[in-house]
Protein backbone atom coordinates (compact mmCIF):
# COMPACT_ATOMS: atom_id res chain seq x y z
CA MET A 1 9.68 -26.17 -33.16
CA ASN A 2 12.01 -26.99 -30.26
CA THR A 3 13.63 -23.56 -30.45
CA LEU A 4 10.22 -21.87 -30.35
CA MET A 5 9.24 -23.91 -27.29
CA LEU A 6 12.52 -22.99 -25.61
CA ILE A 7 11.99 -19.29 -26.34
CA CYS A 8 8.40 -19.41 -25.04
CA ALA A 9 9.49 -21.24 -21.88
CA SER A 10 12.23 -18.67 -21.28
CA LEU A 11 9.82 -15.77 -21.71
CA ALA A 12 7.26 -17.41 -19.45
CA SER A 13 9.91 -17.97 -16.79
CA LEU A 14 11.05 -14.37 -17.08
CA ALA A 15 7.47 -13.09 -16.83
CA PHE A 16 6.84 -15.26 -13.77
CA GLY A 17 10.01 -13.93 -12.11
CA VAL A 18 9.05 -10.33 -12.83
CA LEU A 19 5.53 -10.84 -11.45
CA LEU A 20 6.91 -12.58 -8.37
CA ALA A 21 9.37 -9.73 -7.74
CA TYR A 22 6.55 -7.21 -8.22
CA GLY A 23 4.43 -9.03 -5.66
CA VAL A 24 7.29 -9.17 -3.15
CA CYS A 25 7.97 -5.44 -3.59
CA ARG A 26 4.31 -4.54 -3.16
CA ALA A 27 4.10 -6.62 0.01
CA ALA A 28 7.29 -5.06 1.39
CA PHE A 29 6.11 -1.52 0.67
CA ALA A 30 2.71 -2.26 2.23
CA GLN A 31 4.51 -3.49 5.34
CA LEU A 32 6.67 -0.34 5.40
CA ARG A 33 3.59 1.87 5.01
CA HIS A 34 1.92 0.07 7.93
CA HIS A 35 5.05 0.48 10.06
CA ALA A 36 5.36 4.17 9.19
CA GLY A 37 1.73 4.74 10.17
CA HIS A 38 2.30 2.99 13.47
CA VAL A 39 5.39 5.11 14.21
CA ALA A 40 3.54 8.31 13.26
CA ALA A 41 0.69 7.38 15.60
CA GLN A 42 3.13 6.77 18.45
CA ARG A 43 4.83 10.12 17.87
CA ALA A 44 1.50 11.92 17.74
CA MET A 45 0.44 10.24 20.99
CA ALA A 46 3.74 11.25 22.62
CA GLN A 47 3.08 14.89 21.72
CA VAL A 48 -0.46 14.80 23.12
CA VAL A 49 0.59 13.50 26.53
CA ALA A 50 1.84 16.37 28.68
CA PRO A 51 5.25 15.89 30.25
CA VAL A 52 5.31 15.20 33.97
CA SER A 53 6.31 18.36 35.80
CA GLN A 54 8.85 18.21 38.60
CA PRO A 55 8.24 20.19 41.80
CA GLU A 56 10.40 23.32 41.91
CA SER A 57 11.25 23.16 45.60
CA LEU A 58 11.24 20.34 48.09
């Protein structure tokens, strides 16, 4: 009985660790997706704004 309890506790601990790692990875990838969207929006805005032209002769 003790061996069975030890095996079940080990499997439960392993499952908890896997689920925790999965949650951390999902959160990290969501953060990266948000950051990539923000960078893409900044680049798109930079392309929309016309560059300031310099006068040819002073």
